[in-house]
Amino acid sequence: NLHIEVSALGGETVLAGIIRLVEDAQASKAPIQQLVDRISRIFVP
């Protein structure tokens, strides 16, 4: 049985931070994809 003192809530918790990082990673392109996109703009023509 534990008694704890709250030190972080909502978006400041570790779990919220993990979720936010995964969402950011999912929404953004990997560096290699960004590189391919830049190359394609020159490579295709």
PDB file of all heavy atoms in Angstrom:
ATOM      1  N   ASN A   1       0.864  -1.181   0.000  1.00  0.00           N
ATOM      2  CA  ASN A   1       0.000   0.000   0.000  1.00  0.00           C
ATOM      3  C   ASN A   1       0.904   1.235   0.000  1.00  0.00           C
ATOM      4  O   ASN A   1       1.798   1.346   0.826  1.00  0.00           O
ATOM      5  CB  ASN A   1      -0.892  -0.021   1.248  1.00  0.00           C
ATOM      6  CG  ASN A   1      -2.070   0.925   1.104  1.00  0.00           C
ATOM      7  OD1 ASN A   1      -2.730   0.956   0.076  1.00  0.00           O
ATOM      8  ND2 ASN A   1      -2.323   1.708   2.148  1.00  0.00           N
ATOM      9  N   LEU A   2       0.685   2.148  -0.961  1.00  0.00           N
ATOM     10  CA  LEU A   2       1.568   3.306  -1.095  1.00  0.00           C
ATOM     11  C   LEU A   2       0.817   4.613  -0.902  1.00  0.00           C
ATOM     12  O   LEU A   2      -0.349   4.741  -1.305  1.00  0.00           O
ATOM     13  CB  LEU A   2       2.210   3.321  -2.504  1.00  0.00           C
ATOM     14  CG  LEU A   2       3.136   2.167  -2.879  1.00  0.00           C
ATOM     15  CD1 LEU A   2       3.597   2.322  -4.328  1.00  0.00           C
ATOM     16  CD2 LEU A   2       4.335   2.078  -1.942  1.00  0.00           C
ATOM     17  N   HIS A   3       1.505   5.572  -0.287  1.00  0.00           N
ATOM     18  CA  HIS A   3       1.042   6.966  -0.278  1.00  0.00           C
ATOM     19  C   HIS A   3       2.056   7.748  -1.117  1.00  0.00           C
ATOM     20  O   HIS A   3       3.256   7.677  -0.848  1.00  0.00           O
ATOM     21  CB  HIS A   3       0.997   7.529   1.146  1.00  0.00           C
ATOM     22  CG  HIS A   3      -0.134   6.994   1.947  1.00  0.00           C
ATOM     23  ND1 HIS A   3      -0.492   7.513   3.186  1.00  0.00           N
ATOM     24  CD2 HIS A   3      -1.005   5.980   1.716  1.00  0.00           C
ATOM     25  CE1 HIS A   3      -1.536   6.841   3.664  1.00  0.00           C
ATOM     26  NE2 HIS A   3      -1.844   5.898   2.802  1.00  0.00           N
ATOM     27  N   ILE A   4       1.575   8.473  -2.115  1.00  0.00           N
ATOM     28  CA  ILE A   4       2.497   9.240  -2.952  1.00  0.00           C
ATOM     29  C   ILE A   4       2.074  10.710  -2.995  1.00  0.00           C
ATOM     30  O   ILE A   4       0.909  11.043  -2.772  1.00  0.00           O
ATOM     31  CB  ILE A   4       2.582   8.688  -4.395  1.00  0.00           C
ATOM     32  CG1 ILE A   4       1.286   8.961  -5.173  1.00  0.00           C
ATOM     33  CG2 ILE A   4       2.899   7.203  -4.401  1.00  0.00           C
ATOM     34  CD1 ILE A   4       1.406   8.725  -6.683  1.00  0.00           C
ATOM     35  N   GLU A   5       3.059  11.564  -3.269  1.00  0.00           N
ATOM     36  CA  GLU A   5       2.807  12.991  -3.480  1.00  0.00           C
ATOM     37  C   GLU A   5       2.911  13.279  -4.972  1.00  0.00           C
ATOM     38  O   GLU A   5       3.920  12.938  -5.608  1.00  0.00           O
ATOM     39  CB  GLU A   5       3.830  13.830  -2.718  1.00  0.00           C
ATOM     40  CG  GLU A   5       3.612  15.334  -2.873  1.00  0.00           C
ATOM     41  CD  GLU A   5       4.681  16.139  -2.148  1.00  0.00           C
ATOM     42  OE1 GLU A   5       5.845  15.660  -2.108  1.00  0.00           O
ATOM     43  OE2 GLU A   5       4.367  17.217  -1.646  1.00  0.00           O
ATOM     44  N   VAL A   6       1.879  13.886  -5.542  1.00  0.00           N
ATOM     45  CA  VAL A   6       1.831  14.135  -6.985  1.00  0.00           C
ATOM     46  C   VAL A   6       2.902  15.145  -7.383  1.00  0.00           C
ATOM     47  O   VAL A   6       2.987  16.237  -6.803  1.00  0.00           O
ATOM     48  CB  VAL A   6       0.434  14.659  -7.409  1.00  0.00           C
ATOM     49  CG1 VAL A   6       0.427  15.021  -8.890  1.00  0.00           C
ATOM     50  CG2 VAL A   6      -0.627  13.608  -7.120  1.00  0.00           C
ATOM     51  N   SER A   7       3.715  14.781  -8.379  1.00  0.00           N
ATOM     52  CA  SER A   7       4.788  15.683  -8.831  1.00  0.00           C
ATOM     53  C   SER A   7       4.606  16.143 -10.283  1.00  0.00           C
ATOM     54  O   SER A   7       5.271  17.079 -10.721  1.00  0.00           O
ATOM     55  CB  SER A   7       6.145  14.986  -8.700  1.00  0.00           C
ATOM     56  OG  SER A   7       6.181  13.808  -9.489  1.00  0.00           O
ATOM     57  N   ALA A   8       3.732  15.483 -11.033  1.00  0.00           N
ATOM     58  CA  ALA A   8       3.475  15.895 -12.421  1.00  0.00           C
ATOM     59  C   ALA A   8       2.090  15.450 -12.823  1.00  0.00           C
ATOM     60  O   ALA A   8       1.615  14.383 -12.423  1.00  0.00           O
ATOM     61  CB  ALA A   8       4.524  15.299 -13.371  1.00  0.00           C
ATOM     62  N   LEU A   9       1.431  16.290 -13.633  1.00  0.00           N
ATOM     63  CA  LEU A   9       0.061  16.016 -14.062  1.00  0.00           C
ATOM     64  C   LEU A   9      -0.092  16.271 -15.555  1.00  0.00           C
ATOM     65  O   LEU A   9       0.684  17.027 -16.157  1.00  0.00           O
ATOM     66  CB  LEU A   9      -0.927  16.908 -13.302  1.00  0.00           C
ATOM     67  CG  LEU A   9      -1.135  16.615 -11.820  1.00  0.00           C
ATOM     68  CD1 LEU A   9      -1.873  17.784 -11.163  1.00  0.00           C
ATOM     69  CD2 LEU A   9      -1.931  15.326 -11.628  1.00  0.00           C
ATOM     70  N   GLY A  10      -1.122  15.678 -16.142  1.00  0.00           N
ATOM     71  CA  GLY A  10      -1.490  15.981 -17.527  1.00  0.00           C
ATOM     72  C   GLY A  10      -0.355  15.783 -18.501  1.00  0.00           C
ATOM     73  O   GLY A  10       0.308  14.758 -18.553  1.00  0.00           O
ATOM     74  N   GLY A  11      -0.090  16.835 -19.283  1.00  0.00           N
ATOM     75  CA  GLY A  11       0.920  16.763 -20.337  1.00  0.00           C
ATOM     76  C   GLY A  11       2.339  16.720 -19.820  1.00  0.00           C
ATOM     77  O   GLY A  11       3.271  16.516 -20.594  1.00  0.00           O
ATOM     78  N   GLU A  12       2.533  16.920 -18.498  1.00  0.00           N
ATOM     79  CA  GLU A  12       3.886  16.916 -17.930  1.00  0.00           C
ATOM     80  C   GLU A  12       4.313  15.537 -17.451  1.00  0.00           C
ATOM     81  O   GLU A  12       5.469  15.354 -17.045  1.00  0.00           O
ATOM     82  CB  GLU A  12       3.956  17.906 -16.751  1.00  0.00           C
ATOM     83  CG  GLU A  12       3.599  19.341 -17.108  1.00  0.00           C
ATOM     84  CD  GLU A  12       4.468  19.882 -18.221  1.00  0.00           C
ATOM     85  OE1 GLU A  12       5.701  19.687 -18.168  1.00  0.00           O
ATOM     86  OE2 GLU A  12       3.925  20.483 -19.172  1.00  0.00           O
ATOM     87  N   THR A  13       3.431  14.557 -17.465  1.00  0.00           N
ATOM     88  CA  THR A  13       3.788  13.229 -16.969  1.00  0.00           C
ATOM     89  C   THR A  13       4.687  12.503 -17.967  1.00  0.00           C
ATOM     90  O   THR A  13       4.736  12.840 -19.152  1.00  0.00           O
ATOM     91  CB  THR A  13       2.533  12.377 -16.710  1.00  0.00           C
ATOM     92  OG1 THR A  13       1.843  12.190 -17.953  1.00  0.00           O
ATOM     93  CG2 THR A  13       1.604  13.050 -15.709  1.00  0.00           C
ATOM     94  N   VAL A  14       5.392  11.497 -17.475  1.00  0.00           N
ATOM     95  CA  VAL A  14       6.269  10.696 -18.328  1.00  0.00           C
ATOM     96  C   VAL A  14       5.457  10.004 -19.421  1.00  0.00           C
ATOM     97  O   VAL A  14       5.857   9.979 -20.597  1.00  0.00           O
ATOM     98  CB  VAL A  14       7.033   9.648 -17.483  1.00  0.00           C
ATOM     99  CG1 VAL A  14       7.787   8.672 -18.387  1.00  0.00           C
ATOM    100  CG2 VAL A  14       7.984  10.330 -16.515  1.00  0.00           C
ATOM    101  N   LEU A  15       4.294   9.456 -19.062  1.00  0.00           N
ATOM    102  CA  LEU A  15       3.450   8.760 -20.031  1.00  0.00           C
ATOM    103  C   LEU A  15       2.992   9.709 -21.139  1.00  0.00           C
ATOM    104  O   LEU A  15       3.038   9.359 -22.327  1.00  0.00           O
ATOM    105  CB  LEU A  15       2.237   8.147 -19.322  1.00  0.00           C
ATOM    106  CG  LEU A  15       1.277   7.330 -20.188  1.00  0.00           C
ATOM    107  CD1 LEU A  15       1.996   6.178 -20.858  1.00  0.00           C
ATOM    108  CD2 LEU A  15       0.113   6.811 -19.349  1.00  0.00           C
ATOM    109  N   ALA A  16       2.568  10.927 -20.762  1.00  0.00           N
ATOM    110  CA  ALA A  16       2.150  11.913 -21.760  1.00  0.00           C
ATOM    111  C   ALA A  16       3.317  12.278 -22.668  1.00  0.00           C
ATOM    112  O   ALA A  16       3.141  12.485 -23.875  1.00  0.00           O
ATOM    113  CB  ALA A  16       1.601  13.161 -21.073  1.00  0.00           C
ATOM    114  N   GLY A  17       4.525  12.353 -22.090  1.00  0.00           N
ATOM    115  CA  GLY A  17       5.709  12.652 -22.893  1.00  0.00           C
ATOM    116  C   GLY A  17       6.000  11.566 -23.910  1.00  0.00           C
ATOM    117  O   GLY A  17       6.353  11.851 -25.066  1.00  0.00           O
ATOM    118  N   ILE A  18       5.843  10.303 -23.509  1.00  0.00           N
ATOM    119  CA  ILE A  18       6.051   9.178 -24.430  1.00  0.00           C
ATOM    120  C   ILE A  18       5.053   9.264 -25.575  1.00  0.00           C
ATOM    121  O   ILE A  18       5.415   9.141 -26.754  1.00  0.00           O
ATOM    122  CB  ILE A  18       5.899   7.830 -23.690  1.00  0.00           C
ATOM    123  CG1 ILE A  18       7.032   7.645 -22.682  1.00  0.00           C
ATOM    124  CG2 ILE A  18       5.886   6.671 -24.684  1.00  0.00           C
ATOM    125  CD1 ILE A  18       6.860   6.446 -21.788  1.00  0.00           C
ATOM    126  N   ILE A  19       3.770   9.482 -25.247  1.00  0.00           N
ATOM    127  CA  ILE A  19       2.714   9.562 -26.264  1.00  0.00           C
ATOM    128  C   ILE A  19       3.003  10.710 -27.231  1.00  0.00           C
ATOM    129  O   ILE A  19       2.881  10.566 -28.450  1.00  0.00           O
ATOM    130  CB  ILE A  19       1.335   9.739 -25.586  1.00  0.00           C
ATOM    131  CG1 ILE A  19       0.964   8.469 -24.824  1.00  0.00           C
ATOM    132  CG2 ILE A  19       0.264  10.080 -26.619  1.00  0.00           C
ATOM    133  CD1 ILE A  19      -0.280   8.599 -23.962  1.00  0.00           C
ATOM    134  N   ARG A  20       3.434  11.855 -26.680  1.00  0.00           N
ATOM    135  CA  ARG A  20       3.718  13.027 -27.513  1.00  0.00           C
ATOM    136  C   ARG A  20       4.888  12.754 -28.465  1.00  0.00           C
ATOM    137  O   ARG A  20       4.844  13.112 -29.644  1.00  0.00           O
ATOM    138  CB  ARG A  20       4.018  14.227 -26.627  1.00  0.00           C
ATOM    139  CG  ARG A  20       4.121  15.558 -27.357  1.00  0.00           C
ATOM    140  CD  ARG A  20       4.001  16.722 -26.397  1.00  0.00           C
ATOM    141  NE  ARG A  20       4.970  16.637 -25.308  1.00  0.00           N
ATOM    142  CZ  ARG A  20       4.639  16.411 -24.022  1.00  0.00           C
ATOM    143  NH1 ARG A  20       3.370  16.255 -23.680  1.00  0.00           N
ATOM    144  NH2 ARG A  20       5.565  16.344 -23.081  1.00  0.00           N
ATOM    145  N   LEU A  21       5.929  12.096 -27.973  1.00  0.00           N
ATOM    146  CA  LEU A  21       7.087  11.773 -28.810  1.00  0.00           C
ATOM    147  C   LEU A  21       6.717  10.823 -29.941  1.00  0.00           C
ATOM    148  O   LEU A  21       7.160  10.992 -31.079  1.00  0.00           O
ATOM    149  CB  LEU A  21       8.199  11.155 -27.952  1.00  0.00           C
ATOM    150  CG  LEU A  21       8.986  12.112 -27.054  1.00  0.00           C
ATOM    151  CD1 LEU A  21       9.887  11.332 -26.108  1.00  0.00           C
ATOM    152  CD2 LEU A  21       9.812  13.075 -27.889  1.00  0.00           C
ATOM    153  N   VAL A  22       5.898   9.813 -29.618  1.00  0.00           N
ATOM    154  CA  VAL A  22       5.488   8.847 -30.650  1.00  0.00           C
ATOM    155  C   VAL A  22       4.618   9.535 -31.695  1.00  0.00           C
ATOM    156  O   VAL A  22       4.772   9.309 -32.901  1.00  0.00           O
ATOM    157  CB  VAL A  22       4.748   7.650 -30.018  1.00  0.00           C
ATOM    158  CG1 VAL A  22       4.223   6.712 -31.103  1.00  0.00           C
ATOM    159  CG2 VAL A  22       5.666   6.887 -29.083  1.00  0.00           C
ATOM    160  N   GLU A  23       3.699  10.412 -31.246  1.00  0.00           N
ATOM    161  CA  GLU A  23       2.845  11.147 -32.186  1.00  0.00           C
ATOM    162  C   GLU A  23       3.677  12.038 -33.100  1.00  0.00           C
ATOM    163  O   GLU A  23       3.437  12.115 -34.308  1.00  0.00           O
ATOM    164  CB  GLU A  23       1.821  11.981 -31.413  1.00  0.00           C
ATOM    165  CG  GLU A  23       0.688  11.165 -30.827  1.00  0.00           C
ATOM    166  CD  GLU A  23      -0.252  12.002 -29.967  1.00  0.00           C
ATOM    167  OE1 GLU A  23       0.177  13.085 -29.494  1.00  0.00           O
ATOM    168  OE2 GLU A  23      -1.390  11.581 -29.771  1.00  0.00           O
ATOM    169  N   ASP A  24       4.674  12.716 -32.519  1.00  0.00           N
ATOM    170  CA  ASP A  24       5.546  13.584 -33.318  1.00  0.00           C
ATOM    171  C   ASP A  24       6.330  12.766 -34.343  1.00  0.00           C
ATOM    172  O   ASP A  24       6.488  13.173 -35.499  1.00  0.00           O
ATOM    173  CB  ASP A  24       6.520  14.352 -32.413  1.00  0.00           C
ATOM    174  CG  ASP A  24       5.813  15.413 -31.573  1.00  0.00           C
ATOM    175  OD1 ASP A  24       4.644  15.723 -31.891  1.00  0.00           O
ATOM    176  OD2 ASP A  24       6.420  15.903 -30.608  1.00  0.00           O
ATOM    177  N   ALA A  25       6.828  11.617 -33.901  1.00  0.00           N
ATOM    178  CA  ALA A  25       7.595  10.760 -34.805  1.00  0.00           C
ATOM    179  C   ALA A  25       6.723  10.245 -35.939  1.00  0.00           C
ATOM    180  O   ALA A  25       7.160  10.144 -37.085  1.00  0.00           O
ATOM    181  CB  ALA A  25       8.194   9.585 -34.028  1.00  0.00           C
ATOM    182  N   GLN A  26       5.454   9.947 -35.615  1.00  0.00           N
ATOM    183  CA  GLN A  26       4.544   9.418 -36.630  1.00  0.00           C
ATOM    184  C   GLN A  26       4.154  10.496 -37.632  1.00  0.00           C
ATOM    185  O   GLN A  26       3.986  10.224 -38.822  1.00  0.00           O
ATOM    186  CB  GLN A  26       3.289   8.862 -35.949  1.00  0.00           C
ATOM    187  CG  GLN A  26       2.436   7.985 -36.844  1.00  0.00           C
ATOM    188  CD  GLN A  26       1.268   7.383 -36.102  1.00  0.00           C
ATOM    189  OE1 GLN A  26       0.828   7.911 -35.091  1.00  0.00           O
ATOM    190  NE2 GLN A  26       0.748   6.288 -36.598  1.00  0.00           N
ATOM    191  N   ALA A  27       4.046  11.734 -37.159  1.00  0.00           N
ATOM    192  CA  ALA A  27       3.594  12.823 -38.033  1.00  0.00           C
ATOM    193  C   ALA A  27       4.718  13.355 -38.909  1.00  0.00           C
ATOM    194  O   ALA A  27       4.468  13.903 -39.987  1.00  0.00           O
ATOM    195  CB  ALA A  27       3.031  13.966 -37.184  1.00  0.00           C
ATOM    196  N   SER A  28       5.953  13.191 -38.459  1.00  0.00           N
ATOM    197  CA  SER A  28       7.075  13.754 -39.214  1.00  0.00           C
ATOM    198  C   SER A  28       7.697  12.697 -40.114  1.00  0.00           C
ATOM    199  O   SER A  28       7.550  11.505 -39.890  1.00  0.00           O
ATOM    200  CB  SER A  28       8.126  14.303 -38.254  1.00  0.00           C
ATOM    201  OG  SER A  28       8.656  13.257 -37.467  1.00  0.00           O
ATOM    202  N   LYS A  29       8.393  13.172 -41.131  1.00  0.00           N
ATOM    203  CA  LYS A  29       9.095  12.257 -42.031  1.00  0.00           C
ATOM    204  C   LYS A  29      10.476  11.926 -41.465  1.00  0.00           C
ATOM    205  O   LYS A  29      11.111  12.766 -40.842  1.00  0.00           O
ATOM    206  CB  LYS A  29       9.263  12.897 -43.415  1.00  0.00           C
ATOM    207  CG  LYS A  29       7.976  12.962 -44.222  1.00  0.00           C
ATOM    208  CD  LYS A  29       8.270  13.407 -45.643  1.00  0.00           C
ATOM    209  CE  LYS A  29       6.993  13.370 -46.493  1.00  0.00           C
ATOM    210  NZ  LYS A  29       7.264  13.744 -47.890  1.00  0.00           N
ATOM    211  N   ALA A  30      10.913  10.710 -41.719  1.00  0.00           N
ATOM    212  CA  ALA A  30      12.267  10.323 -41.316  1.00  0.00           C
ATOM    213  C   ALA A  30      13.271  11.145 -42.113  1.00  0.00           C
ATOM    214  O   ALA A  30      12.982  11.555 -43.241  1.00  0.00           O
ATOM    215  CB  ALA A  30      12.470   8.835 -41.578  1.00  0.00           C
ATOM    216  N   PRO A  31      14.454  11.391 -41.545  1.00  0.00           N
ATOM    217  CA  PRO A  31      15.467  12.180 -42.272  1.00  0.00           C
ATOM    218  C   PRO A  31      15.765  11.620 -43.662  1.00  0.00           C
ATOM    219  O   PRO A  31      15.944  12.383 -44.609  1.00  0.00           O
ATOM    220  CB  PRO A  31      16.690  12.081 -41.350  1.00  0.00           C
ATOM    221  CG  PRO A  31      16.122  11.874 -39.983  1.00  0.00           C
ATOM    222  CD  PRO A  31      14.874  11.066 -40.179  1.00  0.00           C
ATOM    223  N   ILE A  32      15.777  10.294 -43.797  1.00  0.00           N
ATOM    224  CA  ILE A  32      16.082   9.708 -45.109  1.00  0.00           C
ATOM    225  C   ILE A  32      14.969  10.030 -46.107  1.00  0.00           C
ATOM    226  O   ILE A  32      15.231  10.256 -47.291  1.00  0.00           O
ATOM    227  CB  ILE A  32      16.319   8.181 -44.991  1.00  0.00           C
ATOM    228  CG1 ILE A  32      16.824   7.595 -46.309  1.00  0.00           C
ATOM    229  CG2 ILE A  32      15.050   7.464 -44.556  1.00  0.00           C
ATOM    230  CD1 ILE A  32      18.177   8.072 -46.706  1.00  0.00           C
ATOM    231  N   GLN A  33      13.706  10.090 -45.620  1.00  0.00           N
ATOM    232  CA  GLN A  33      12.594  10.439 -46.511  1.00  0.00           C
ATOM    233  C   GLN A  33      12.701  11.888 -46.970  1.00  0.00           C
ATOM    234  O   GLN A  33      12.446  12.206 -48.131  1.00  0.00           O
ATOM    235  CB  GLN A  33      11.259  10.223 -45.796  1.00  0.00           C
ATOM    236  CG  GLN A  33      10.748   8.798 -45.876  1.00  0.00           C
ATOM    237  CD  GLN A  33       9.368   8.688 -45.264  1.00  0.00           C
ATOM    238  OE1 GLN A  33       9.178   8.939 -44.081  1.00  0.00           O
ATOM    239  NE2 GLN A  33       8.392   8.321 -46.060  1.00  0.00           N
ATOM    240  N   GLN A  34      13.074  12.769 -46.048  1.00  0.00           N
ATOM    241  CA  GLN A  34      13.249  14.185 -46.403  1.00  0.00           C
ATOM    242  C   GLN A  34      14.363  14.336 -47.438  1.00  0.00           C
ATOM    243  O   GLN A  34      14.239  15.127 -48.372  1.00  0.00           O
ATOM    244  CB  GLN A  34      13.569  14.989 -45.145  1.00  0.00           C
ATOM    245  CG  GLN A  34      12.406  15.031 -44.149  1.00  0.00           C
ATOM    246  CD  GLN A  34      12.790  15.685 -42.838  1.00  0.00           C
ATOM    247  OE1 GLN A  34      13.964  15.912 -42.573  1.00  0.00           O
ATOM    248  NE2 GLN A  34      11.808  15.976 -42.004  1.00  0.00           N
ATOM    249  N   LEU A  35      15.426  13.551 -47.258  1.00  0.00           N
ATOM    250  CA  LEU A  35      16.538  13.596 -48.207  1.00  0.00           C
ATOM    251  C   LEU A  35      16.081  13.112 -49.588  1.00  0.00           C
ATOM    252  O   LEU A  35      16.400  13.728 -50.611  1.00  0.00           O
ATOM    253  CB  LEU A  35      17.699  12.734 -47.701  1.00  0.00           C
ATOM    254  CG  LEU A  35      18.917  12.621 -48.618  1.00  0.00           C
ATOM    255  CD1 LEU A  35      19.553  13.991 -48.831  1.00  0.00           C
ATOM    256  CD2 LEU A  35      19.940  11.646 -48.047  1.00  0.00           C
ATOM    257  N   VAL A  36      15.314  12.018 -49.605  1.00  0.00           N
ATOM    258  CA  VAL A  36      14.814  11.477 -50.877  1.00  0.00           C
ATOM    259  C   VAL A  36      13.919  12.491 -51.578  1.00  0.00           C
ATOM    260  O   VAL A  36      14.000  12.671 -52.800  1.00  0.00           O
ATOM    261  CB  VAL A  36      14.055  10.145 -50.634  1.00  0.00           C
ATOM    262  CG1 VAL A  36      13.273   9.738 -51.879  1.00  0.00           C
ATOM    263  CG2 VAL A  36      15.037   9.043 -50.259  1.00  0.00           C
ATOM    264  N   ASP A  37      13.062  13.170 -50.807  1.00  0.00           N
ATOM    265  CA  ASP A  37      12.178  14.179 -51.400  1.00  0.00           C
ATOM    266  C   ASP A  37      12.983  15.310 -52.036  1.00  0.00           C
ATOM    267  O   ASP A  37      12.659  15.784 -53.127  1.00  0.00           O
ATOM    268  CB  ASP A  37      11.225  14.749 -50.338  1.00  0.00           C
ATOM    269  CG  ASP A  37      10.117  13.770 -49.979  1.00  0.00           C
ATOM    270  OD1 ASP A  37       9.932  12.799 -50.745  1.00  0.00           O
ATOM    271  OD2 ASP A  37       9.464  13.954 -48.945  1.00  0.00           O
ATOM    272  N   ARG A  38      14.042  15.748 -51.341  1.00  0.00           N
ATOM    273  CA  ARG A  38      14.873  16.831 -51.879  1.00  0.00           C
ATOM    274  C   ARG A  38      15.593  16.380 -53.146  1.00  0.00           C
ATOM    275  O   ARG A  38      15.674  17.127 -54.127  1.00  0.00           O
ATOM    276  CB  ARG A  38      15.890  17.293 -50.825  1.00  0.00           C
ATOM    277  CG  ARG A  38      15.289  18.119 -49.707  1.00  0.00           C
ATOM    278  CD  ARG A  38      16.342  18.953 -49.005  1.00  0.00           C
ATOM    279  NE  ARG A  38      17.397  18.123 -48.420  1.00  0.00           N
ATOM    280  CZ  ARG A  38      17.342  17.596 -47.193  1.00  0.00           C
ATOM    281  NH1 ARG A  38      16.267  17.810 -46.441  1.00  0.00           N
ATOM    282  NH2 ARG A  38      18.336  16.863 -46.734  1.00  0.00           N
ATOM    283  N   ILE A  39      16.103  15.146 -53.107  1.00  0.00           N
ATOM    284  CA  ILE A  39      16.802  14.612 -54.287  1.00  0.00           C
ATOM    285  C   ILE A  39      15.832  14.461 -55.457  1.00  0.00           C
ATOM    286  O   ILE A  39      16.171  14.766 -56.602  1.00  0.00           O
ATOM    287  CB  ILE A  39      17.477  13.263 -53.948  1.00  0.00           C
ATOM    288  CG1 ILE A  39      18.638  13.491 -52.974  1.00  0.00           C
ATOM    289  CG2 ILE A  39      17.965  12.559 -55.209  1.00  0.00           C
ATOM    290  CD1 ILE A  39      19.249  12.228 -52.432  1.00  0.00           C
ATOM    291  N   SER A  40      14.593  13.976 -55.162  1.00  0.00           N
ATOM    292  CA  SER A  40      13.613  13.721 -56.221  1.00  0.00           C
ATOM    293  C   SER A  40      13.291  14.987 -57.011  1.00  0.00           C
ATOM    294  O   SER A  40      13.083  14.927 -58.222  1.00  0.00           O
ATOM    295  CB  SER A  40      12.324  13.144 -55.626  1.00  0.00           C
ATOM    296  OG  SER A  40      12.547  11.850 -55.130  1.00  0.00           O
ATOM    297  N   ARG A  41      13.241  16.123 -56.315  1.00  0.00           N
ATOM    298  CA  ARG A  41      12.906  17.375 -56.998  1.00  0.00           C
ATOM    299  C   ARG A  41      13.929  17.710 -58.080  1.00  0.00           C
ATOM    300  O   ARG A  41      13.605  18.347 -59.079  1.00  0.00           O
ATOM    301  CB  ARG A  41      12.796  18.515 -55.975  1.00  0.00           C
ATOM    302  CG  ARG A  41      11.508  18.485 -55.178  1.00  0.00           C
ATOM    303  CD  ARG A  41      11.275  19.789 -54.450  1.00  0.00           C
ATOM    304  NE  ARG A  41      12.121  19.885 -53.263  1.00  0.00           N
ATOM    305  CZ  ARG A  41      11.766  19.437 -52.063  1.00  0.00           C
ATOM    306  NH1 ARG A  41      10.595  18.850 -51.896  1.00  0.00           N
ATOM    307  NH2 ARG A  41      12.575  19.569 -51.028  1.00  0.00           N
ATOM    308  N   ILE A  42      15.181  17.272 -57.866  1.00  0.00           N
ATOM    309  CA  ILE A  42      16.229  17.495 -58.871  1.00  0.00           C
ATOM    310  C   ILE A  42      16.364  16.268 -59.775  1.00  0.00           C
ATOM    311  O   ILE A  42      16.515  16.379 -60.986  1.00  0.00           O
ATOM    312  CB  ILE A  42      17.584  17.781 -58.177  1.00  0.00           C
ATOM    313  CG1 ILE A  42      17.439  18.964 -57.213  1.00  0.00           C
ATOM    314  CG2 ILE A  42      18.682  18.026 -59.186  1.00  0.00           C
ATOM    315  CD1 ILE A  42      18.564  19.097 -56.232  1.00  0.00           C
ATOM    316  N   PHE A  43      16.284  15.105 -59.148  1.00  0.00           N
ATOM    317  CA  PHE A  43      16.554  13.845 -59.836  1.00  0.00           C
ATOM    318  C   PHE A  43      15.565  13.572 -60.970  1.00  0.00           C
ATOM    319  O   PHE A  43      15.955  13.162 -62.065  1.00  0.00           O
ATOM    320  CB  PHE A  43      16.502  12.722 -58.794  1.00  0.00           C
ATOM    321  CG  PHE A  43      16.837  11.355 -59.319  1.00  0.00           C
ATOM    322  CD1 PHE A  43      18.124  11.061 -59.725  1.00  0.00           C
ATOM    323  CD2 PHE A  43      15.875  10.369 -59.395  1.00  0.00           C
ATOM    324  CE1 PHE A  43      18.447   9.795 -60.184  1.00  0.00           C
ATOM    325  CE2 PHE A  43      16.182   9.104 -59.865  1.00  0.00           C
ATOM    326  CZ  PHE A  43      17.478   8.820 -60.254  1.00  0.00           C
ATOM    327  N   VAL A  44      14.272  13.797 -60.705  1.00  0.00           N
ATOM    328  CA  VAL A  44      13.247  13.462 -61.697  1.00  0.00           C
ATOM    329  C   VAL A  44      13.423  14.251 -63.000  1.00  0.00           C
ATOM    330  O   VAL A  44      13.516  13.650 -64.069  1.00  0.00           O
ATOM    331  CB  VAL A  44      11.822  13.660 -61.108  1.00  0.00           C
ATOM    332  CG1 VAL A  44      10.766  13.485 -62.183  1.00  0.00           C
ATOM    333  CG2 VAL A  44      11.591  12.672 -59.978  1.00  0.00           C
ATOM    334  N   PRO A  45      13.491  15.585 -62.949  1.00  0.00           N
ATOM    335  CA  PRO A  45      13.686  16.303 -64.219  1.00  0.00           C
ATOM    336  C   PRO A  45      15.020  15.973 -64.891  1.00  0.00           C
ATOM    337  O   PRO A  45      15.101  15.939 -66.125  1.00  0.00           O
ATOM    338  CB  PRO A  45      13.626  17.782 -63.822  1.00  0.00           C
ATOM    339  CG  PRO A  45      13.785  17.824 -62.354  1.00  0.00           C
ATOM    340  CD  PRO A  45      13.282  16.532 -61.829  1.00  0.00           C
TER     341      PRO A  45
END
